Amino acid sequence: MDLLERIKKALRIAGMEELPSGTSEPLAAYGMDSLLMVLGVAALEKELSLRISGRDFSEQAFHSLDSLTAWLRKLGAT
């Protein structure tokens, strides 16, 4: 499973009922809020076997699937 599919899986586990069909669409339009960001970080950590510290957290990373993928790659996700 590629990184994008693993991210989508984690976001569904975190509680996002609908995901965008395109990777550049704003996640906020699909219900991404501060609570889903926190739940998303926990789900992403588990799915990707990463540890995301508070100083690594980036609200801008949750703008779109593209930005989330880039951020997680920067943190070492493959």
PDB file of N, CA and C in Angstrom:
ATOM      1  N   MET A   1       0.860  -1.177   0.000  1.00  0.00           N
ATOM      2  CA  MET A   1       0.000   0.000   0.000  1.00  0.00           C
ATOM      3  C   MET A   1       0.905   1.239   0.000  1.00  0.00           C
ATOM      4  N   ASP A   2       0.631   2.188  -0.883  1.00  0.00           N
ATOM      5  CA  ASP A   2       1.476   3.379  -0.939  1.00  0.00           C
ATOM      6  C   ASP A   2       1.120   4.351   0.181  1.00  0.00           C
ATOM      7  N   LEU A   3       1.981   5.358   0.361  1.00  0.00           N
ATOM      8  CA  LEU A   3       1.825   6.293   1.473  1.00  0.00           C
ATOM      9  C   LEU A   3       0.474   7.004   1.450  1.00  0.00           C
ATOM     10  N   LEU A   4       0.039   7.459   0.305  1.00  0.00           N
ATOM     11  CA  LEU A   4      -1.243   8.159   0.215  1.00  0.00           C
ATOM     12  C   LEU A   4      -2.395   7.271   0.687  1.00  0.00           C
ATOM     13  N   GLU A   5      -2.407   6.036   0.281  1.00  0.00           N
ATOM     14  CA  GLU A   5      -3.472   5.117   0.711  1.00  0.00           C
ATOM     15  C   GLU A   5      -3.414   4.865   2.210  1.00  0.00           C
ATOM     16  N   ARG A   6      -2.218   4.799   2.769  1.00  0.00           N
ATOM     17  CA  ARG A   6      -2.074   4.607   4.217  1.00  0.00           C
ATOM     18  C   ARG A   6      -2.557   5.842   4.975  1.00  0.00           C
ATOM     19  N   ILE A   7      -2.311   7.023   4.416  1.00  0.00           N
ATOM     20  CA  ILE A   7      -2.800   8.264   5.030  1.00  0.00           C
ATOM     21  C   ILE A   7      -4.321   8.281   5.011  1.00  0.00           C
ATOM     22  N   LYS A   8      -4.909   7.941   3.877  1.00  0.00           N
ATOM     23  CA  LYS A   8      -6.374   7.901   3.782  1.00  0.00           C
ATOM     24  C   LYS A   8      -6.958   6.911   4.785  1.00  0.00           C
ATOM     25  N   LYS A   9      -6.327   5.762   4.915  1.00  0.00           N
ATOM     26  CA  LYS A   9      -6.786   4.747   5.875  1.00  0.00           C
ATOM     27  C   LYS A   9      -6.763   5.310   7.293  1.00  0.00           C
ATOM     28  N   ALA A  10      -5.673   5.986   7.651  1.00  0.00           N
ATOM     29  CA  ALA A  10      -5.549   6.558   8.987  1.00  0.00           C
ATOM     30  C   ALA A  10      -6.596   7.646   9.226  1.00  0.00           C
ATOM     31  N   LEU A  11      -6.847   8.480   8.222  1.00  0.00           N
ATOM     32  CA  LEU A  11      -7.852   9.533   8.381  1.00  0.00           C
ATOM     33  C   LEU A  11      -9.249   8.951   8.552  1.00  0.00           C
ATOM     34  N   ARG A  12      -9.538   7.868   7.854  1.00  0.00           N
ATOM     35  CA  ARG A  12     -10.844   7.205   8.042  1.00  0.00           C
ATOM     36  C   ARG A  12     -10.949   6.655   9.463  1.00  0.00           C
ATOM     37  N   ILE A  13      -9.881   6.036   9.953  1.00  0.00           N
ATOM     38  CA  ILE A  13      -9.864   5.512  11.321  1.00  0.00           C
ATOM     39  C   ILE A  13     -10.057   6.649  12.323  1.00  0.00           C
ATOM     40  N   ALA A  14      -9.471   7.810  12.021  1.00  0.00           N
ATOM     41  CA  ALA A  14      -9.590   8.973  12.914  1.00  0.00           C
ATOM     42  C   ALA A  14     -11.010   9.547  12.937  1.00  0.00           C
ATOM     43  N   GLY A  15     -11.814   9.209  11.926  1.00  0.00           N
ATOM     44  CA  GLY A  15     -13.204   9.669  11.937  1.00  0.00           C
ATOM     45  C   GLY A  15     -13.641  10.485  10.743  1.00  0.00           C
ATOM     46  N   MET A  16     -12.781  10.679   9.758  1.00  0.00           N
ATOM     47  CA  MET A  16     -13.222  11.397   8.555  1.00  0.00           C
ATOM     48  C   MET A  16     -14.144  10.480   7.758  1.00  0.00           C
ATOM     49  N   GLU A  17     -15.372  10.893   7.612  1.00  0.00           N
ATOM     50  CA  GLU A  17     -16.354  10.067   6.916  1.00  0.00           C
ATOM     51  C   GLU A  17     -16.180  10.121   5.407  1.00  0.00           C
ATOM     52  N   GLU A  18     -15.728  11.268   4.896  1.00  0.00           N
ATOM     53  CA  GLU A  18     -15.559  11.436   3.455  1.00  0.00           C
ATOM     54  C   GLU A  18     -14.195  12.044   3.195  1.00  0.00           C
ATOM     55  N   LEU A  19     -13.512  11.544   2.193  1.00  0.00           N
ATOM     56  CA  LEU A  19     -12.213  12.078   1.804  1.00  0.00           C
ATOM     57  C   LEU A  19     -12.310  12.672   0.408  1.00  0.00           C
ATOM     58  N   PRO A  20     -11.498  13.681   0.124  1.00  0.00           N
ATOM     59  CA  PRO A  20     -11.547  14.289  -1.207  1.00  0.00           C
ATOM     60  C   PRO A  20     -11.092  13.312  -2.287  1.00  0.00           C
ATOM     61  N   SER A  21     -11.619  13.486  -3.487  1.00  0.00           N
ATOM     62  CA  SER A  21     -11.186  12.640  -4.599  1.00  0.00           C
ATOM     63  C   SER A  21      -9.854  13.137  -5.149  1.00  0.00           C
ATOM     64  N   GLY A  22      -9.593  14.428  -5.040  1.00  0.00           N
ATOM     65  CA  GLY A  22      -8.324  15.000  -5.479  1.00  0.00           C
ATOM     66  C   GLY A  22      -7.401  15.219  -4.292  1.00  0.00           C
ATOM     67  N   THR A  23      -6.110  15.235  -4.550  1.00  0.00           N
ATOM     68  CA  THR A  23      -5.160  15.359  -3.449  1.00  0.00           C
ATOM     69  C   THR A  23      -4.866  16.808  -3.043  1.00  0.00           C
ATOM     70  N   SER A  24      -5.335  17.780  -3.835  1.00  0.00           N
ATOM     71  CA  SER A  24      -5.065  19.178  -3.489  1.00  0.00           C
ATOM     72  C   SER A  24      -6.274  19.902  -2.892  1.00  0.00           C
ATOM     73  N   GLU A  25      -7.392  19.213  -2.801  1.00  0.00           N
ATOM     74  CA  GLU A  25      -8.596  19.828  -2.229  1.00  0.00           C
ATOM     75  C   GLU A  25      -8.417  20.060  -0.725  1.00  0.00           C
ATOM     76  N   PRO A  26      -8.946  21.159  -0.191  1.00  0.00           N
ATOM     77  CA  PRO A  26      -8.820  21.423   1.247  1.00  0.00           C
ATOM     78  C   PRO A  26      -9.550  20.361   2.084  1.00  0.00           C
ATOM     79  N   LEU A  27      -8.839  19.811   3.043  1.00  0.00           N
ATOM     80  CA  LEU A  27      -9.452  18.811   3.928  1.00  0.00           C
ATOM     81  C   LEU A  27     -10.532  19.424   4.809  1.00  0.00           C
ATOM     82  N   ALA A  28     -10.442  20.722   5.064  1.00  0.00           N
ATOM     83  CA  ALA A  28     -11.463  21.395   5.884  1.00  0.00           C
ATOM     84  C   ALA A  28     -12.841  21.288   5.248  1.00  0.00           C
ATOM     85  N   ALA A  29     -12.896  21.222   3.928  1.00  0.00           N
ATOM     86  CA  ALA A  29     -14.174  21.088   3.228  1.00  0.00           C
ATOM     87  C   ALA A  29     -14.799  19.712   3.464  1.00  0.00           C
ATOM     88  N   TYR A  30     -14.017  18.797   4.011  1.00  0.00           N
ATOM     89  CA  TYR A  30     -14.496  17.435   4.280  1.00  0.00           C
ATOM     90  C   TYR A  30     -14.567  17.150   5.778  1.00  0.00           C
ATOM     91  N   GLY A  31     -14.530  18.207   6.581  1.00  0.00           N
ATOM     92  CA  GLY A  31     -14.734  18.054   8.016  1.00  0.00           C
ATOM     93  C   GLY A  31     -13.483  18.109   8.870  1.00  0.00           C
ATOM     94  N   MET A  32     -12.315  18.347   8.276  1.00  0.00           N
ATOM     95  CA  MET A  32     -11.091  18.420   9.080  1.00  0.00           C
ATOM     96  C   MET A  32     -11.173  19.628  10.006  1.00  0.00           C
ATOM     97  N   ASP A  33     -11.049  19.359  11.287  1.00  0.00           N
ATOM     98  CA  ASP A  33     -11.024  20.411  12.300  1.00  0.00           C
ATOM     99  C   ASP A  33      -9.937  20.061  13.306  1.00  0.00           C
ATOM    100  N   SER A  34      -9.828  20.840  14.368  1.00  0.00           N
ATOM    101  CA  SER A  34      -8.733  20.623  15.324  1.00  0.00           C
ATOM    102  C   SER A  34      -8.823  19.254  16.003  1.00  0.00           C
ATOM    103  N   LEU A  35     -10.022  18.796  16.317  1.00  0.00           N
ATOM    104  CA  LEU A  35     -10.163  17.484  16.943  1.00  0.00           C
ATOM    105  C   LEU A  35      -9.731  16.382  15.975  1.00  0.00           C
ATOM    106  N   LEU A  36     -10.156  16.471  14.723  1.00  0.00           N
ATOM    107  CA  LEU A  36      -9.750  15.470  13.741  1.00  0.00           C
ATOM    108  C   LEU A  36      -8.250  15.502  13.482  1.00  0.00           C
ATOM    109  N   MET A  37      -7.630  16.675  13.614  1.00  0.00           N
ATOM    110  CA  MET A  37      -6.173  16.739  13.471  1.00  0.00           C
ATOM    111  C   MET A  37      -5.490  15.932  14.563  1.00  0.00           C
ATOM    112  N   VAL A  38      -5.943  16.108  15.791  1.00  0.00           N
ATOM    113  CA  VAL A  38      -5.357  15.374  16.917  1.00  0.00           C
ATOM    114  C   VAL A  38      -5.590  13.874  16.753  1.00  0.00           C
ATOM    115  N   LEU A  39      -6.825  13.490  16.428  1.00  0.00           N
ATOM    116  CA  LEU A  39      -7.115  12.071  16.212  1.00  0.00           C
ATOM    117  C   LEU A  39      -6.352  11.541  15.004  1.00  0.00           C
ATOM    118  N   GLY A  40      -6.201  12.397  13.998  1.00  0.00           N
ATOM    119  CA  GLY A  40      -5.455  12.018  12.799  1.00  0.00           C
ATOM    120  C   GLY A  40      -3.994  11.761  13.092  1.00  0.00           C
ATOM    121  N   VAL A  41      -3.390  12.607  13.913  1.00  0.00           N
ATOM    122  CA  VAL A  41      -1.984  12.400  14.286  1.00  0.00           C
ATOM    123  C   VAL A  41      -1.825  11.042  14.974  1.00  0.00           C
ATOM    124  N   ALA A  42      -2.721  10.728  15.900  1.00  0.00           N
ATOM    125  CA  ALA A  42      -2.633   9.444  16.601  1.00  0.00           C
ATOM    126  C   ALA A  42      -2.783   8.279  15.626  1.00  0.00           C
ATOM    127  N   ALA A  43      -3.733   8.375  14.713  1.00  0.00           N
ATOM    128  CA  ALA A  43      -3.943   7.304  13.736  1.00  0.00           C
ATOM    129  C   ALA A  43      -2.772   7.192  12.767  1.00  0.00           C
ATOM    130  N   LEU A  44      -2.222   8.334  12.362  1.00  0.00           N
ATOM    131  CA  LEU A  44      -1.062   8.326  11.458  1.00  0.00           C
ATOM    132  C   LEU A  44       0.166   7.737  12.148  1.00  0.00           C
ATOM    133  N   GLU A  45       0.366   8.076  13.410  1.00  0.00           N
ATOM    134  CA  GLU A  45       1.485   7.503  14.153  1.00  0.00           C
ATOM    135  C   GLU A  45       1.389   5.976  14.177  1.00  0.00           C
ATOM    136  N   LYS A  46       0.203   5.487  14.439  1.00  0.00           N
ATOM    137  CA  LYS A  46       0.018   4.036  14.505  1.00  0.00           C
ATOM    138  C   LYS A  46       0.174   3.392  13.131  1.00  0.00           C
ATOM    139  N   GLU A  47      -0.471   3.949  12.122  1.00  0.00           N
ATOM    140  CA  GLU A  47      -0.438   3.369  10.771  1.00  0.00           C
ATOM    141  C   GLU A  47       0.967   3.386  10.174  1.00  0.00           C
ATOM    142  N   LEU A  48       1.713   4.467  10.431  1.00  0.00           N
ATOM    143  CA  LEU A  48       3.011   4.640   9.788  1.00  0.00           C
ATOM    144  C   LEU A  48       4.190   4.324  10.708  1.00  0.00           C
ATOM    145  N   SER A  49       3.888   3.894  11.918  1.00  0.00           N
ATOM    146  CA  SER A  49       4.936   3.593  12.912  1.00  0.00           C
ATOM    147  C   SER A  49       5.877   4.782  13.092  1.00  0.00           C
ATOM    148  N   LEU A  50       5.285   5.959  13.257  1.00  0.00           N
ATOM    149  CA  LEU A  50       6.026   7.203  13.463  1.00  0.00           C
ATOM    150  C   LEU A  50       5.710   7.761  14.837  1.00  0.00           C
ATOM    151  N   ARG A  51       6.608   8.576  15.321  1.00  0.00           N
ATOM    152  CA  ARG A  51       6.335   9.360  16.531  1.00  0.00           C
ATOM    153  C   ARG A  51       6.342  10.816  16.101  1.00  0.00           C
ATOM    154  N   ILE A  52       5.228  11.495  16.272  1.00  0.00           N
ATOM    155  CA  ILE A  52       5.110  12.897  15.869  1.00  0.00           C
ATOM    156  C   ILE A  52       5.054  13.743  17.138  1.00  0.00           C
ATOM    157  N   SER A  53       6.104  14.505  17.375  1.00  0.00           N
ATOM    158  CA  SER A  53       6.156  15.324  18.588  1.00  0.00           C
ATOM    159  C   SER A  53       5.342  16.606  18.404  1.00  0.00           C
ATOM    160  N   GLY A  54       5.073  17.258  19.497  1.00  0.00           N
ATOM    161  CA  GLY A  54       4.339  18.514  19.454  1.00  0.00           C
ATOM    162  C   GLY A  54       5.062  19.577  18.651  1.00  0.00           C
ATOM    163  N   ARG A  55       6.392  19.584  18.701  1.00  0.00           N
ATOM    164  CA  ARG A  55       7.145  20.596  17.948  1.00  0.00           C
ATOM    165  C   ARG A  55       7.150  20.291  16.454  1.00  0.00           C
ATOM    166  N   ASP A  56       6.901  19.014  16.089  1.00  0.00           N
ATOM    167  CA  ASP A  56       6.812  18.637  14.674  1.00  0.00           C
ATOM    168  C   ASP A  56       5.424  18.876  14.101  1.00  0.00           C
ATOM    169  N   PHE A  57       4.431  19.036  14.986  1.00  0.00           N
ATOM    170  CA  PHE A  57       3.051  19.198  14.524  1.00  0.00           C
ATOM    171  C   PHE A  57       2.915  20.451  13.675  1.00  0.00           C
ATOM    172  N   SER A  58       2.147  20.335  12.613  1.00  0.00           N
ATOM    173  CA  SER A  58       1.925  21.465  11.717  1.00  0.00           C
ATOM    174  C   SER A  58       0.467  21.497  11.289  1.00  0.00           C
ATOM    175  N   GLU A  59      -0.231  22.526  11.705  1.00  0.00           N
ATOM    176  CA  GLU A  59      -1.630  22.678  11.293  1.00  0.00           C
ATOM    177  C   GLU A  59      -1.734  22.825   9.780  1.00  0.00           C
ATOM    178  N   GLN A  60      -0.758  23.493   9.163  1.00  0.00           N
ATOM    179  CA  GLN A  60      -0.771  23.672   7.707  1.00  0.00           C
ATOM    180  C   GLN A  60      -0.637  22.337   6.979  1.00  0.00           C
ATOM    181  N   ALA A  61      -0.011  21.358   7.604  1.00  0.00           N
ATOM    182  CA  ALA A  61       0.149  20.046   6.978  1.00  0.00           C
ATOM    183  C   ALA A  61      -1.203  19.401   6.688  1.00  0.00           C
ATOM    184  N   PHE A  62      -2.210  19.751   7.465  1.00  0.00           N
ATOM    185  CA  PHE A  62      -3.535  19.162   7.301  1.00  0.00           C
ATOM    186  C   PHE A  62      -4.409  19.946   6.324  1.00  0.00           C
ATOM    187  N   HIS A  63      -3.797  20.793   5.504  1.00  0.00           N
ATOM    188  CA  HIS A  63      -4.560  21.542   4.509  1.00  0.00           C
ATOM    189  C   HIS A  63      -5.129  20.626   3.428  1.00  0.00           C
ATOM    190  N   SER A  64      -4.319  19.704   2.926  1.00  0.00           N
ATOM    191  CA  SER A  64      -4.749  18.810   1.847  1.00  0.00           C
ATOM    192  C   SER A  64      -4.002  17.488   1.966  1.00  0.00           C
ATOM    193  N   LEU A  65      -4.410  16.527   1.170  1.00  0.00           N
ATOM    194  CA  LEU A  65      -3.691  15.252   1.163  1.00  0.00           C
ATOM    195  C   LEU A  65      -2.266  15.447   0.647  1.00  0.00           C
ATOM    196  N   ASP A  66      -2.077  16.354  -0.310  1.00  0.00           N
ATOM    197  CA  ASP A  66      -0.730  16.652  -0.814  1.00  0.00           C
ATOM    198  C   ASP A  66       0.164  17.199   0.296  1.00  0.00           C
ATOM    199  N   SER A  67      -0.338  18.178   1.036  1.00  0.00           N
ATOM    200  CA  SER A  67       0.484  18.780   2.092  1.00  0.00           C
ATOM    201  C   SER A  67       0.743  17.786   3.218  1.00  0.00           C
ATOM    202  N   LEU A  68      -0.233  16.950   3.512  1.00  0.00           N
ATOM    203  CA  LEU A  68      -0.071  15.930   4.550  1.00  0.00           C
ATOM    204  C   LEU A  68       0.971  14.897   4.126  1.00  0.00           C
ATOM    205  N   THR A  69       0.929  14.482   2.877  1.00  0.00           N
ATOM    206  CA  THR A  69       1.907  13.526   2.358  1.00  0.00           C
ATOM    207  C   THR A  69       3.318  14.110   2.416  1.00  0.00           C
ATOM    208  N   ALA A  70       3.485  15.355   1.980  1.00  0.00           N
ATOM    209  CA  ALA A  70       4.803  16.003   1.991  1.00  0.00           C
ATOM    210  C   ALA A  70       5.342  16.123   3.412  1.00  0.00           C
ATOM    211  N   TRP A  71       4.481  16.525   4.340  1.00  0.00           N
ATOM    212  CA  TRP A  71       4.882  16.678   5.738  1.00  0.00           C
ATOM    213  C   TRP A  71       5.324  15.351   6.333  1.00  0.00           C
ATOM    214  N   LEU A  72       4.557  14.307   6.076  1.00  0.00           N
ATOM    215  CA  LEU A  72       4.894  12.995   6.632  1.00  0.00           C
ATOM    216  C   LEU A  72       6.162  12.437   6.006  1.00  0.00           C
ATOM    217  N   ARG A  73       6.380  12.691   4.736  1.00  0.00           N
ATOM    218  CA  ARG A  73       7.648  12.269   4.108  1.00  0.00           C
ATOM    219  C   ARG A  73       8.830  12.993   4.774  1.00  0.00           C
ATOM    220  N   LYS A  74       8.640  14.270   5.071  1.00  0.00           N
ATOM    221  CA  LYS A  74       9.672  15.051   5.750  1.00  0.00           C
ATOM    222  C   LYS A  74       9.994  14.449   7.123  1.00  0.00           C
ATOM    223  N   LEU A  75       8.984  13.861   7.758  1.00  0.00           N
ATOM    224  CA  LEU A  75       9.160  13.240   9.075  1.00  0.00           C
ATOM    225  C   LEU A  75       9.684  11.810   8.963  1.00  0.00           C
ATOM    226  N   GLY A  76       9.851  11.313   7.742  1.00  0.00           N
ATOM    227  CA  GLY A  76      10.444   9.983   7.560  1.00  0.00           C
ATOM    228  C   GLY A  76       9.503   8.883   7.126  1.00  0.00           C
ATOM    229  N   ALA A  77       8.251   9.218   6.856  1.00  0.00           N
ATOM    230  CA  ALA A  77       7.299   8.187   6.397  1.00  0.00           C
ATOM    231  C   ALA A  77       7.637   7.754   4.983  1.00  0.00           C
ATOM    232  N   THR A  78       7.403   6.481   4.731  1.00  0.00           N
ATOM    233  CA  THR A  78       7.637   5.958   3.377  1.00  0.00           C
ATOM    234  C   THR A  78       6.411   5.245   2.860  1.00  0.00           C
TER     235      THR A  78
END
